């Protein structure tokens, strides 16, 4: 099945019900959808912030592929990727080529594969993955070494929605990166009333 990201019969773009076989159940929460819209609005009003961060509108181009995890496909329908400070979600035109991160690497202590893992983005330079069988988000925490040389590979969230709500749009962001005064995404989070 090819995923499409525009439903011309829906009353509002991106709205669908569990009964709609083409769209399936909602994976991305209303809360995240509203945060994406609010950050998109804020970034469009502030030139400096808009140059460093991005929350684009949903993808509505040609189908990306047949093997996208459903929650990532749902996210693309809301935002074609995004740059949320040091958390990046790949856009549709990049994500297929980024799957090399899931390829087995000779000498790597953690061996991945494309059947079980889908790379959807990065935290800094470390790739983050959806575990296809469970929908969980896994990644390589920053240990001071190149990610593929690290033995540290851990579960970051139960699903893409909770990962983004916590690590991109809540206190999980400063918990990972600290309170760097030069990190302008912290300013965005404060303006969105997501952190004090």
Protein backbone atom coordinates (compact mmCIF):
# COMPACT_ATOMS: atom_id res chain seq x y z
CA UNK A 1 0.00 0.00 0.00
CA UNK A 2 1.33 3.44 -0.92
CA UNK A 3 0.81 6.23 1.59
CA UNK A 4 -0.79 9.44 0.43
CA UNK A 5 -0.98 12.57 2.50
CA UNK A 6 -3.90 14.57 1.24
CA UNK A 7 -7.54 13.58 1.60
CA UNK A 8 -9.66 15.87 -0.57
CA UNK A 9 -12.91 14.50 0.91
CA UNK A 10 -11.98 15.36 4.51
CA UNK A 11 -13.71 18.34 6.07
CA UNK A 12 -10.37 19.60 7.34
CA UNK A 13 -6.94 18.66 5.92
CA UNK A 14 -5.44 15.77 7.84
CA UNK A 15 -8.71 14.76 9.52
CA UNK A 16 -9.63 11.12 9.25
CA UNK A 17 -11.43 8.47 11.19
CA UNK A 18 -10.56 4.87 12.12
CA UNK A 19 -13.25 3.70 9.71
CA UNK A 20 -11.37 5.20 6.76
CA UNK A 21 -9.30 2.28 5.46
CA UNK A 22 -6.94 4.48 3.45
CA UNK A 23 -5.95 6.61 6.41
CA UNK A 24 -6.19 4.24 9.37
CA UNK A 25 -6.17 5.29 13.03
CA UNK A 26 -4.63 8.56 14.23
CA UNK A 27 -1.03 8.09 15.39
CA UNK A 28 -0.06 11.71 16.01
CA UNK A 29 -1.98 13.31 18.88
CA UNK A 30 -4.05 16.45 18.63
CA UNK A 31 -1.64 18.01 21.15
CA UNK A 32 1.38 17.45 18.88
CA UNK A 33 -0.56 18.61 15.84
CA UNK A 34 -1.43 21.86 17.66
CA UNK A 35 2.19 22.35 18.78
CA UNK A 36 3.38 21.92 15.20
CA UNK A 37 0.88 24.55 14.03
CA UNK A 38 1.81 26.94 16.87
CA UNK A 39 5.54 26.57 16.24
CA UNK A 40 5.01 26.98 12.49
CA UNK A 41 3.18 30.25 13.16
CA UNK A 42 5.83 31.49 15.60
CA UNK A 43 8.70 30.59 13.26
CA UNK A 44 7.03 32.38 10.35
CA UNK A 45 6.77 35.57 12.44
CA UNK A 46 10.38 35.57 13.69
CA UNK A 47 12.93 35.63 10.86
CA UNK A 48 15.89 34.62 13.06
CA UNK A 49 14.07 31.67 14.61
CA UNK A 50 12.66 30.65 11.24
CA UNK A 51 16.15 30.43 9.77
CA UNK A 52 17.30 27.95 12.42
CA UNK A 53 14.17 25.87 13.01
CA UNK A 54 11.46 24.49 10.81
CA UNK A 55 7.94 23.05 11.20
CA UNK A 56 6.74 22.86 7.59
CA UNK A 57 3.21 22.07 6.48
CA UNK A 58 2.30 18.45 5.85
CA UNK A 59 3.62 16.57 2.87
CA UNK A 60 1.20 16.34 -0.03
CA UNK A 61 3.45 15.17 -2.86
CA UNK A 62 3.78 11.83 -4.55
CA UNK A 63 3.73 8.71 -2.37
CA UNK A 64 7.06 8.23 -0.60
CA UNK A 65 7.09 4.45 -0.42
CA UNK A 66 5.35 1.35 0.76
CA UNK A 67 7.33 0.62 3.89
CA UNK A 68 6.92 3.78 5.96
CA UNK A 69 5.84 3.09 9.54
CA UNK A 70 2.27 4.32 10.00
CA UNK A 71 3.10 6.83 12.74
CA UNK A 72 5.86 8.43 10.65
CA UNK A 73 3.52 8.58 7.64
CA UNK A 74 0.90 10.24 9.86
CA UNK A 75 3.51 12.73 11.09
CA UNK A 76 4.41 13.59 7.48
CA UNK A 77 0.77 14.41 6.83
CA UNK A 78 1.02 17.05 9.60
CA UNK A 79 4.57 18.30 9.00
CA UNK A 80 7.00 17.38 6.24
CA UNK A 81 9.83 16.74 8.67
CA UNK A 82 11.07 19.39 11.03
CA UNK A 83 14.02 20.99 12.75
CA UNK A 84 13.21 21.40 16.42
CA UNK A 85 16.48 22.69 17.79
CA UNK A 86 18.81 19.73 17.96
CA UNK A 87 16.02 17.23 17.26
CA UNK A 88 15.47 16.66 13.54
CA UNK A 89 12.74 14.65 11.82
CA UNK A 90 13.63 13.88 8.22
CA UNK A 91 11.42 15.25 5.47
CA UNK A 92 9.82 13.01 2.86
CA UNK A 93 12.42 13.66 0.15
CA UNK A 94 15.28 12.69 2.51
CA UNK A 95 13.95 9.83 4.61
CA UNK A 96 14.20 7.03 2.03
CA UNK A 97 17.88 7.79 1.38
CA UNK A 98 18.56 8.06 5.14
CA UNK A 99 17.78 4.38 5.69
CA UNK A 100 21.47 3.54 5.33
CA UNK A 101 21.68 4.32 9.06
CA UNK A 102 19.81 1.04 9.67
CA UNK A 103 22.17 -1.04 7.56
CA UNK A 104 24.44 -3.50 9.38
CA UNK A 105 27.97 -2.07 9.84
CA UNK A 106 31.05 -4.21 10.13
CA UNK A 107 32.61 -3.84 13.56
CA UNK A 108 29.64 -1.98 15.08
CA UNK A 109 28.67 -3.32 18.52
CA UNK A 110 24.96 -2.72 17.79
CA UNK A 111 23.77 -4.34 14.57
CA UNK A 112 20.60 -2.97 12.99
CA UNK A 113 18.67 -3.88 9.83
CA UNK A 114 16.03 -2.24 7.66
CA UNK A 115 13.42 -4.94 8.34
CA UNK A 116 13.24 -4.02 12.04
CA UNK A 117 14.46 -0.41 12.16
CA UNK A 118 13.39 2.77 10.38
CA UNK A 119 15.59 5.86 10.75
CA UNK A 120 13.31 8.91 10.91
CA UNK A 121 15.67 11.58 12.18
CA UNK A 122 18.51 12.61 14.44
CA UNK A 123 19.34 14.01 17.84
CA UNK A 124 22.42 16.08 17.08
CA UNK A 125 24.41 13.73 14.83
CA UNK A 126 23.00 10.54 16.34
CA UNK A 127 20.28 8.79 14.31
CA UNK A 128 16.97 7.86 15.94
CA UNK A 129 14.90 4.89 14.86
CA UNK A 130 11.38 3.53 14.98
CA UNK A 131 11.36 -0.15 15.89
CA UNK A 132 9.00 -1.46 13.23
CA UNK A 133 7.50 -4.36 15.25
CA UNK A 134 6.65 -2.22 18.32
CA UNK A 135 6.60 1.43 17.18
CA UNK A 136 9.06 2.32 19.96
CA UNK A 137 11.68 5.02 19.42
CA UNK A 138 15.29 3.98 20.03
CA UNK A 139 18.56 5.83 19.70
CA UNK A 140 22.18 6.21 20.64
CA UNK A 141 22.63 8.56 23.59
CA UNK A 142 25.56 10.95 23.36
CA UNK A 143 28.48 9.10 24.95
CA UNK A 144 31.29 11.13 23.41
CA UNK A 145 31.93 8.67 20.60
CA UNK A 146 30.58 8.20 17.09
CA UNK A 147 27.13 6.62 17.31
CA UNK A 148 27.93 3.48 15.32
CA UNK A 149 30.89 2.72 17.62
CA UNK A 150 28.74 2.97 20.73
CA UNK A 151 27.37 0.03 22.69
CA UNK A 152 24.74 2.35 24.20
CA UNK A 153 21.48 1.91 22.30
CA UNK A 154 18.33 2.50 24.29
CA UNK A 155 14.62 3.01 24.14
CA UNK A 156 13.78 6.72 24.15
CA UNK A 157 9.96 6.59 23.99
CA UNK A 158 7.01 4.27 23.50
CA UNK A 159 6.12 5.87 20.15
CA UNK A 160 6.90 8.77 17.83
CA UNK A 161 4.20 11.02 19.30
CA UNK A 162 5.45 10.70 22.89
CA UNK A 163 9.07 11.06 21.73
CA UNK A 164 8.35 14.37 19.99
CA UNK A 165 6.11 15.68 22.75
CA UNK A 166 8.85 15.04 25.31
CA UNK A 167 12.17 15.44 23.50
CA UNK A 168 11.25 18.21 21.05
CA UNK A 169 8.35 20.05 22.71
CA UNK A 170 8.77 19.69 26.47
CA UNK A 171 11.17 19.40 29.40
CA UNK A 172 12.86 16.40 27.80
CA UNK A 173 14.62 18.81 25.44
CA UNK A 174 16.54 20.79 28.11
CA UNK A 175 17.04 17.54 30.05
CA UNK A 176 19.09 16.24 27.10
CA UNK A 177 20.81 19.42 25.98
CA UNK A 178 20.90 21.59 29.10
CA UNK A 179 20.10 25.27 29.36
CA UNK A 180 22.48 26.58 26.69
CA UNK A 181 21.72 30.32 26.35
CA UNK A 182 22.60 30.11 22.63
CA UNK A 183 20.04 27.35 21.95
CA UNK A 184 17.18 29.30 20.38
CA UNK A 185 14.81 26.30 20.47
CA UNK A 186 14.60 26.86 24.23
CA UNK A 187 13.22 30.32 23.41
CA UNK A 188 10.61 28.73 21.14
CA UNK A 189 9.62 26.28 23.89
CA UNK A 190 9.26 29.15 26.37
CA UNK A 191 7.15 31.19 23.95
CA UNK A 192 4.93 28.14 23.45
CA UNK A 193 4.69 27.82 27.29
CA UNK A 194 6.19 24.33 27.17
CA UNK A 195 9.01 24.99 29.65
CA UNK A 196 9.48 27.63 32.38
